[in-house]
All heavy atoms as atom14 arrays in JSON, in Angstrom:
{
  "sequence": "HFLGGIILPGHGIMLRALESGTAGLHVPTGDVRPFPTN",
  "atom14_mask": [
    [1, 1, 1, 1, 1, 1, 1, 1, 1, 1, 0, 0, 0, 0],
    [1, 1, 1, 1, 1, 1, 1, 1, 1, 1, 1, 0, 0, 0],
    [1, 1, 1, 1, 1, 1, 1, 1, 0, 0, 0, 0, 0, 0],
    [1, 1, 1, 1, 0, 0, 0, 0, 0, 0, 0, 0, 0, 0],
    [1, 1, 1, 1, 0, 0, 0, 0, 0, 0, 0, 0, 0, 0],
    [1, 1, 1, 1, 1, 1, 1, 1, 0, 0, 0, 0, 0, 0],
    [1, 1, 1, 1, 1, 1, 1, 1, 0, 0, 0, 0, 0, 0],
    [1, 1, 1, 1, 1, 1, 1, 1, 0, 0, 0, 0, 0, 0],
    [1, 1, 1, 1, 1, 1, 1, 0, 0, 0, 0, 0, 0, 0],
    [1, 1, 1, 1, 0, 0, 0, 0, 0, 0, 0, 0, 0, 0],
    [1, 1, 1, 1, 1, 1, 1, 1, 1, 1, 0, 0, 0, 0],
    [1, 1, 1, 1, 0, 0, 0, 0, 0, 0, 0, 0, 0, 0],
    [1, 1, 1, 1, 1, 1, 1, 1, 0, 0, 0, 0, 0, 0],
    [1, 1, 1, 1, 1, 1, 1, 1, 0, 0, 0, 0, 0, 0],
    [1, 1, 1, 1, 1, 1, 1, 1, 0, 0, 0, 0, 0, 0],
    [1, 1, 1, 1, 1, 1, 1, 1, 1, 1, 1, 0, 0, 0],
    [1, 1, 1, 1, 1, 0, 0, 0, 0, 0, 0, 0, 0, 0],
    [1, 1, 1, 1, 1, 1, 1, 1, 0, 0, 0, 0, 0, 0],
    [1, 1, 1, 1, 1, 1, 1, 1, 1, 0, 0, 0, 0, 0],
    [1, 1, 1, 1, 1, 1, 0, 0, 0, 0, 0, 0, 0, 0],
    [1, 1, 1, 1, 0, 0, 0, 0, 0, 0, 0, 0, 0, 0],
    [1, 1, 1, 1, 1, 1, 1, 0, 0, 0, 0, 0, 0, 0],
    [1, 1, 1, 1, 1, 0, 0, 0, 0, 0, 0, 0, 0, 0],
    [1, 1, 1, 1, 0, 0, 0, 0, 0, 0, 0, 0, 0, 0],
    [1, 1, 1, 1, 1, 1, 1, 1, 0, 0, 0, 0, 0, 0],
    [1, 1, 1, 1, 1, 1, 1, 1, 1, 1, 0, 0, 0, 0],
    [1, 1, 1, 1, 1, 1, 1, 0, 0, 0, 0, 0, 0, 0],
    [1, 1, 1, 1, 1, 1, 1, 0, 0, 0, 0, 0, 0, 0],
    [1, 1, 1, 1, 1, 1, 1, 0, 0, 0, 0, 0, 0, 0],
    [1, 1, 1, 1, 0, 0, 0, 0, 0, 0, 0, 0, 0, 0],
    [1, 1, 1, 1, 1, 1, 1, 1, 0, 0, 0, 0, 0, 0],
    [1, 1, 1, 1, 1, 1, 1, 0, 0, 0, 0, 0, 0, 0],
    [1, 1, 1, 1, 1, 1, 1, 1, 1, 1, 1, 0, 0, 0],
    [1, 1, 1, 1, 1, 1, 1, 0, 0, 0, 0, 0, 0, 0],
    [1, 1, 1, 1, 1, 1, 1, 1, 1, 1, 1, 0, 0, 0],
    [1, 1, 1, 1, 1, 1, 1, 0, 0, 0, 0, 0, 0, 0],
    [1, 1, 1, 1, 1, 1, 1, 0, 0, 0, 0, 0, 0, 0],
    [1, 1, 1, 1, 1, 1, 1, 1, 0, 0, 0, 0, 0, 0]
  ],
  "atom14_positions": [
    [[0.86, -1.18, -0.03], [-0.01, 0.0, 0.06], [0.86, 1.24, 0.02], [1.71, 1.38, 0.9], [-0.94, 0.01, 1.2], [-1.95, -1.05, 1.21], [-1.77, -2.32, 1.62], [-3.31, -0.96, 0.78], [-2.91, -3.02, 1.51], [-3.82, -2.23, 0.95], [0.0, 0.0, 0.0], [0.0, 0.0, 0.0], [0.0, 0.0, 0.0], [0.0, 0.0, 0.0]],
    [[0.69, 2.1, -0.98], [1.39, 3.42, -1.02], [0.68, 4.31, -0.08], [-0.47, 4.7, -0.21], [1.33, 3.91, -2.46], [1.78, 5.36, -2.56], [2.96, 5.86, -1.95], [1.03, 6.28, -3.34], [3.29, 7.17, -2.05], [1.38, 7.61, -3.47], [2.55, 8.05, -2.81], [0.0, 0.0, 0.0], [0.0, 0.0, 0.0], [0.0, 0.0, 0.0]],
    [[1.39, 4.68, 1.0], [0.8, 5.46, 2.11], [0.88, 6.94, 1.81], [0.05, 7.76, 2.3], [1.51, 5.16, 3.41], [1.49, 3.68, 3.86], [2.34, 3.55, 5.11], [0.07, 3.21, 4.05], [0.0, 0.0, 0.0], [0.0, 0.0, 0.0], [0.0, 0.0, 0.0], [0.0, 0.0, 0.0], [0.0, 0.0, 0.0], [0.0, 0.0, 0.0]],
    [[1.87, 7.37, 1.02], [2.03, 8.78, 0.71], [3.54, 9.06, 0.47], [4.39, 8.22, 0.73], [0.0, 0.0, 0.0], [0.0, 0.0, 0.0], [0.0, 0.0, 0.0], [0.0, 0.0, 0.0], [0.0, 0.0, 0.0], [0.0, 0.0, 0.0], [0.0, 0.0, 0.0], [0.0, 0.0, 0.0], [0.0, 0.0, 0.0], [0.0, 0.0, 0.0]],
    [[3.8, 10.28, 0.0], [5.19, 10.58, -0.27], [5.38, 12.12, -0.3], [4.44, 12.86, -0.22], [0.0, 0.0, 0.0], [0.0, 0.0, 0.0], [0.0, 0.0, 0.0], [0.0, 0.0, 0.0], [0.0, 0.0, 0.0], [0.0, 0.0, 0.0], [0.0, 0.0, 0.0], [0.0, 0.0, 0.0], [0.0, 0.0, 0.0], [0.0, 0.0, 0.0]],
    [[6.64, 12.55, -0.4], [6.97, 13.93, -0.41], [7.77, 14.25, -1.65], [8.43, 13.4, -2.24], [7.73, 14.36, 0.84], [9.03, 13.57, 1.0], [6.87, 14.19, 2.13], [9.89, 14.0, 2.17], [0.0, 0.0, 0.0], [0.0, 0.0, 0.0], [0.0, 0.0, 0.0], [0.0, 0.0, 0.0], [0.0, 0.0, 0.0], [0.0, 0.0, 0.0]],
    [[7.72, 15.57, -2.02], [8.5, 16.07, -3.16], [9.26, 17.22, -2.64], [8.72, 18.13, -1.96], [7.59, 16.46, -4.34], [6.66, 15.36, -4.72], [8.39, 16.95, -5.51], [5.62, 15.75, -5.72], [0.0, 0.0, 0.0], [0.0, 0.0, 0.0], [0.0, 0.0, 0.0], [0.0, 0.0, 0.0], [0.0, 0.0, 0.0], [0.0, 0.0, 0.0]],
    [[10.53, 17.33, -3.01], [11.33, 18.51, -2.69], [12.28, 18.8, -3.84], [12.5, 17.95, -4.69], [12.09, 18.34, -1.36], [13.15, 17.23, -1.23], [14.15, 17.62, -0.11], [12.47, 15.89, -0.86], [0.0, 0.0, 0.0], [0.0, 0.0, 0.0], [0.0, 0.0, 0.0], [0.0, 0.0, 0.0], [0.0, 0.0, 0.0], [0.0, 0.0, 0.0]],
    [[12.82, 19.96, -3.87], [13.75, 20.31, -5.0], [14.98, 19.51, -4.99], [15.52, 19.16, -3.88], [14.02, 21.79, -4.77], [13.08, 22.3, -3.8], [12.61, 21.12, -2.96], [0.0, 0.0, 0.0], [0.0, 0.0, 0.0], [0.0, 0.0, 0.0], [0.0, 0.0, 0.0], [0.0, 0.0, 0.0], [0.0, 0.0, 0.0], [0.0, 0.0, 0.0]],
    [[15.53, 19.17, -6.14], [16.87, 18.61, -6.17], [17.96, 19.66, -5.96], [17.66, 20.88, -5.79], [0.0, 0.0, 0.0], [0.0, 0.0, 0.0], [0.0, 0.0, 0.0], [0.0, 0.0, 0.0], [0.0, 0.0, 0.0], [0.0, 0.0, 0.0], [0.0, 0.0, 0.0], [0.0, 0.0, 0.0], [0.0, 0.0, 0.0], [0.0, 0.0, 0.0]],
    [[19.19, 19.25, -5.93], [20.31, 20.15, -5.66], [20.29, 21.39, -6.57], [20.45, 22.52, -6.1], [21.66, 19.42, -5.82], [22.0, 18.47, -4.72], [21.63, 17.17, -4.73], [22.68, 18.66, -3.62], [22.06, 16.59, -3.68], [22.75, 17.47, -2.92], [0.0, 0.0, 0.0], [0.0, 0.0, 0.0], [0.0, 0.0, 0.0], [0.0, 0.0, 0.0]],
    [[20.15, 21.18, -7.86], [20.2, 22.25, -8.8], [19.14, 23.33, -8.57], [19.39, 24.55, -8.66], [0.0, 0.0, 0.0], [0.0, 0.0, 0.0], [0.0, 0.0, 0.0], [0.0, 0.0, 0.0], [0.0, 0.0, 0.0], [0.0, 0.0, 0.0], [0.0, 0.0, 0.0], [0.0, 0.0, 0.0], [0.0, 0.0, 0.0], [0.0, 0.0, 0.0]],
    [[17.89, 22.82, -8.38], [16.78, 23.73, -8.15], [16.99, 24.54, -6.91], [16.72, 25.75, -6.83], [15.45, 23.0, -8.11], [15.17, 22.37, -9.5], [14.25, 23.88, -7.71], [13.92, 21.54, -9.52], [0.0, 0.0, 0.0], [0.0, 0.0, 0.0], [0.0, 0.0, 0.0], [0.0, 0.0, 0.0], [0.0, 0.0, 0.0], [0.0, 0.0, 0.0]],
    [[17.42, 23.9, -5.82], [17.68, 24.59, -4.55], [18.7, 25.71, -4.76], [18.48, 26.81, -4.35], [18.23, 23.61, -3.54], [17.22, 22.64, -2.92], [17.94, 21.75, -1.56], [16.85, 20.31, -1.49], [0.0, 0.0, 0.0], [0.0, 0.0, 0.0], [0.0, 0.0, 0.0], [0.0, 0.0, 0.0], [0.0, 0.0, 0.0], [0.0, 0.0, 0.0]],
    [[19.78, 25.38, -5.45], [20.84, 26.35, -5.66], [20.35, 27.57, -6.51], [20.6, 28.71, -6.18], [22.04, 25.72, -6.31], [23.28, 26.63, -6.54], [23.76, 27.24, -5.23], [24.39, 25.82, -7.21], [0.0, 0.0, 0.0], [0.0, 0.0, 0.0], [0.0, 0.0, 0.0], [0.0, 0.0, 0.0], [0.0, 0.0, 0.0], [0.0, 0.0, 0.0]],
    [[19.63, 27.27, -7.62], [19.13, 28.34, -8.47], [18.12, 29.19, -7.74], [18.08, 30.43, -7.94], [18.56, 27.71, -9.72], [19.56, 27.13, -10.69], [19.01, 26.87, -12.07], [17.98, 25.82, -11.99], [18.19, 24.53, -12.11], [19.47, 24.05, -12.19], [17.22, 23.66, -12.12], [0.0, 0.0, 0.0], [0.0, 0.0, 0.0], [0.0, 0.0, 0.0]],
    [[17.31, 28.61, -6.91], [16.3, 29.37, -6.15], [17.03, 30.34, -5.19], [16.61, 31.53, -5.06], [15.45, 28.45, -5.36], [0.0, 0.0, 0.0], [0.0, 0.0, 0.0], [0.0, 0.0, 0.0], [0.0, 0.0, 0.0], [0.0, 0.0, 0.0], [0.0, 0.0, 0.0], [0.0, 0.0, 0.0], [0.0, 0.0, 0.0], [0.0, 0.0, 0.0]],
    [[18.09, 29.9, -4.56], [18.81, 30.78, -3.64], [19.55, 31.89, -4.4], [19.59, 33.02, -3.95], [19.82, 29.94, -2.78], [19.17, 29.11, -1.65], [20.17, 28.13, -1.11], [18.68, 30.05, -0.56], [0.0, 0.0, 0.0], [0.0, 0.0, 0.0], [0.0, 0.0, 0.0], [0.0, 0.0, 0.0], [0.0, 0.0, 0.0], [0.0, 0.0, 0.0]],
    [[20.14, 31.47, -5.54], [20.87, 32.48, -6.33], [19.91, 33.56, -6.87], [20.3, 34.77, -6.91], [21.59, 31.78, -7.48], [22.76, 30.96, -7.08], [23.43, 30.34, -8.27], [22.82, 30.19, -9.33], [24.61, 29.94, -8.15], [0.0, 0.0, 0.0], [0.0, 0.0, 0.0], [0.0, 0.0, 0.0], [0.0, 0.0, 0.0], [0.0, 0.0, 0.0]],
    [[18.72, 33.18, -7.29], [17.81, 34.18, -7.83], [17.12, 35.01, -6.75], [16.69, 36.12, -6.98], [16.71, 33.48, -8.67], [15.92, 32.61, -7.85], [0.0, 0.0, 0.0], [0.0, 0.0, 0.0], [0.0, 0.0, 0.0], [0.0, 0.0, 0.0], [0.0, 0.0, 0.0], [0.0, 0.0, 0.0], [0.0, 0.0, 0.0], [0.0, 0.0, 0.0]],
    [[17.02, 34.47, -5.55], [16.28, 35.19, -4.51], [17.15, 35.88, -3.51], [16.64, 36.58, -2.59], [0.0, 0.0, 0.0], [0.0, 0.0, 0.0], [0.0, 0.0, 0.0], [0.0, 0.0, 0.0], [0.0, 0.0, 0.0], [0.0, 0.0, 0.0], [0.0, 0.0, 0.0], [0.0, 0.0, 0.0], [0.0, 0.0, 0.0], [0.0, 0.0, 0.0]],
    [[18.47, 35.68, -3.6], [19.31, 36.26, -2.57], [20.54, 36.86, -3.25], [21.25, 36.22, -4.11], [19.86, 35.17, -1.6], [18.73, 34.49, -1.08], [20.62, 35.77, -0.48], [0.0, 0.0, 0.0], [0.0, 0.0, 0.0], [0.0, 0.0, 0.0], [0.0, 0.0, 0.0], [0.0, 0.0, 0.0], [0.0, 0.0, 0.0], [0.0, 0.0, 0.0]],
    [[20.89, 38.15, -2.95], [21.99, 38.8, -3.57], [23.31, 38.2, -3.08], [23.47, 37.79, -1.91], [21.93, 40.28, -3.26], [0.0, 0.0, 0.0], [0.0, 0.0, 0.0], [0.0, 0.0, 0.0], [0.0, 0.0, 0.0], [0.0, 0.0, 0.0], [0.0, 0.0, 0.0], [0.0, 0.0, 0.0], [0.0, 0.0, 0.0], [0.0, 0.0, 0.0]],
    [[24.27, 38.13, -3.97], [25.59, 37.72, -3.52], [25.88, 36.26, -3.43], [26.87, 35.82, -2.86], [0.0, 0.0, 0.0], [0.0, 0.0, 0.0], [0.0, 0.0, 0.0], [0.0, 0.0, 0.0], [0.0, 0.0, 0.0], [0.0, 0.0, 0.0], [0.0, 0.0, 0.0], [0.0, 0.0, 0.0], [0.0, 0.0, 0.0], [0.0, 0.0, 0.0]],
    [[24.9, 35.39, -3.96], [25.14, 33.94, -3.74], [25.51, 33.3, -5.09], [25.37, 32.05, -5.18], [23.87, 33.29, -3.17], [23.59, 33.55, -1.76], [22.4, 32.73, -1.31], [24.78, 33.15, -0.86], [0.0, 0.0, 0.0], [0.0, 0.0, 0.0], [0.0, 0.0, 0.0], [0.0, 0.0, 0.0], [0.0, 0.0, 0.0], [0.0, 0.0, 0.0]],
    [[26.04, 34.01, -6.03], [26.53, 33.39, -7.26], [27.95, 32.95, -7.03], [28.91, 33.59, -7.36], [26.45, 34.42, -8.42], [25.06, 34.84, -8.74], [24.23, 34.08, -9.6], [24.31, 35.86, -8.28], [23.06, 34.73, -9.67], [23.09, 35.79, -8.89], [0.0, 0.0, 0.0], [0.0, 0.0, 0.0], [0.0, 0.0, 0.0], [0.0, 0.0, 0.0]],
    [[28.07, 31.73, -6.53], [29.38, 31.2, -6.14], [29.59, 29.82, -6.73], [28.63, 29.16, -7.14], [29.49, 31.08, -4.55], [29.41, 32.44, -3.93], [28.36, 30.19, -4.01], [0.0, 0.0, 0.0], [0.0, 0.0, 0.0], [0.0, 0.0, 0.0], [0.0, 0.0, 0.0], [0.0, 0.0, 0.0], [0.0, 0.0, 0.0], [0.0, 0.0, 0.0]],
    [[30.8, 29.35, -6.85], [31.04, 27.99, -7.39], [30.45, 26.92, -6.49], [30.15, 27.12, -5.31], [32.57, 27.93, -7.42], [33.09, 29.35, -7.25], [32.07, 30.05, -6.49], [0.0, 0.0, 0.0], [0.0, 0.0, 0.0], [0.0, 0.0, 0.0], [0.0, 0.0, 0.0], [0.0, 0.0, 0.0], [0.0, 0.0, 0.0], [0.0, 0.0, 0.0]],
    [[30.25, 25.75, -7.06], [29.76, 24.59, -6.3], [30.8, 24.21, -5.26], [32.04, 24.15, -5.55], [29.52, 23.39, -7.24], [28.57, 23.75, -8.21], [29.01, 22.18, -6.45], [0.0, 0.0, 0.0], [0.0, 0.0, 0.0], [0.0, 0.0, 0.0], [0.0, 0.0, 0.0], [0.0, 0.0, 0.0], [0.0, 0.0, 0.0], [0.0, 0.0, 0.0]],
    [[30.38, 23.97, -4.07], [31.22, 23.67, -2.97], [31.24, 22.15, -2.64], [30.77, 21.34, -3.43], [0.0, 0.0, 0.0], [0.0, 0.0, 0.0], [0.0, 0.0, 0.0], [0.0, 0.0, 0.0], [0.0, 0.0, 0.0], [0.0, 0.0, 0.0], [0.0, 0.0, 0.0], [0.0, 0.0, 0.0], [0.0, 0.0, 0.0], [0.0, 0.0, 0.0]],
    [[31.76, 21.87, -1.47], [31.78, 20.48, -1.0], [30.87, 20.34, 0.22], [30.46, 21.31, 0.86], [33.22, 20.14, -0.54], [34.22, 20.15, -1.73], [33.83, 19.63, -2.83], [35.28, 20.7, -1.57], [0.0, 0.0, 0.0], [0.0, 0.0, 0.0], [0.0, 0.0, 0.0], [0.0, 0.0, 0.0], [0.0, 0.0, 0.0], [0.0, 0.0, 0.0]],
    [[30.48, 19.1, 0.51], [29.71, 18.81, 1.7], [30.65, 18.73, 2.87], [31.58, 17.9, 2.93], [28.89, 17.52, 1.52], [28.09, 17.2, 2.79], [27.97, 17.6, 0.33], [0.0, 0.0, 0.0], [0.0, 0.0, 0.0], [0.0, 0.0, 0.0], [0.0, 0.0, 0.0], [0.0, 0.0, 0.0], [0.0, 0.0, 0.0], [0.0, 0.0, 0.0]],
    [[30.39, 19.54, 3.91], [31.22, 19.6, 5.07], [30.35, 19.48, 6.34], [29.21, 19.99, 6.33], [31.98, 20.91, 5.15], [32.85, 21.28, 3.96], [34.03, 20.41, 3.88], [34.94, 20.91, 2.82], [36.04, 20.23, 2.37], [36.34, 19.12, 2.96], [36.82, 20.72, 1.45], [0.0, 0.0, 0.0], [0.0, 0.0, 0.0], [0.0, 0.0, 0.0]],
    [[30.81, 18.84, 7.38], [30.06, 18.82, 8.65], [29.75, 20.15, 9.16], [28.66, 20.46, 9.68], [30.95, 18.06, 9.57], [31.89, 17.24, 8.75], [32.11, 18.1, 7.52], [0.0, 0.0, 0.0], [0.0, 0.0, 0.0], [0.0, 0.0, 0.0], [0.0, 0.0, 0.0], [0.0, 0.0, 0.0], [0.0, 0.0, 0.0], [0.0, 0.0, 0.0]],
    [[30.75, 21.13, 9.02], [30.61, 22.47, 9.56], [31.11, 23.44, 8.5], [32.33, 23.82, 8.52], [31.32, 22.69, 10.87], [30.9, 21.66, 11.94], [31.71, 20.56, 12.21], [29.73, 21.87, 12.59], [31.31, 19.65, 13.18], [29.34, 20.88, 13.55], [30.11, 19.83, 13.87], [0.0, 0.0, 0.0], [0.0, 0.0, 0.0], [0.0, 0.0, 0.0]],
    [[30.32, 23.77, 7.47], [30.79, 24.62, 6.38], [31.25, 26.02, 6.89], [30.61, 26.58, 7.69], [29.55, 24.72, 5.51], [28.72, 23.51, 5.8], [28.91, 23.32, 7.26], [0.0, 0.0, 0.0], [0.0, 0.0, 0.0], [0.0, 0.0, 0.0], [0.0, 0.0, 0.0], [0.0, 0.0, 0.0], [0.0, 0.0, 0.0], [0.0, 0.0, 0.0]],
    [[32.34, 26.5, 6.31], [32.88, 27.74, 6.65], [33.08, 28.73, 5.54], [33.77, 29.68, 5.62], [34.29, 27.52, 7.45], [35.15, 26.83, 6.57], [34.08, 26.81, 8.72], [0.0, 0.0, 0.0], [0.0, 0.0, 0.0], [0.0, 0.0, 0.0], [0.0, 0.0, 0.0], [0.0, 0.0, 0.0], [0.0, 0.0, 0.0], [0.0, 0.0, 0.0]],
    [[32.4, 28.4, 4.37], [32.34, 29.31, 3.28], [30.99, 29.09, 2.56], [30.36, 28.11, 2.75], [33.56, 29.16, 2.3], [33.56, 27.73, 1.67], [32.7, 27.44, 0.86], [34.53, 26.94, 2.09], [0.0, 0.0, 0.0], [0.0, 0.0, 0.0], [0.0, 0.0, 0.0], [0.0, 0.0, 0.0], [0.0, 0.0, 0.0], [0.0, 0.0, 0.0]]
  ]
}
């Protein structure tokens, strides 16, 4: 029985949404870090 599910943006959509909605976030792709410092 399919009980239900969720939909969320993929990596690319998340990044583009932040870039378009926030000034100064046009930056290169970074790395996954436990405690990001950039």
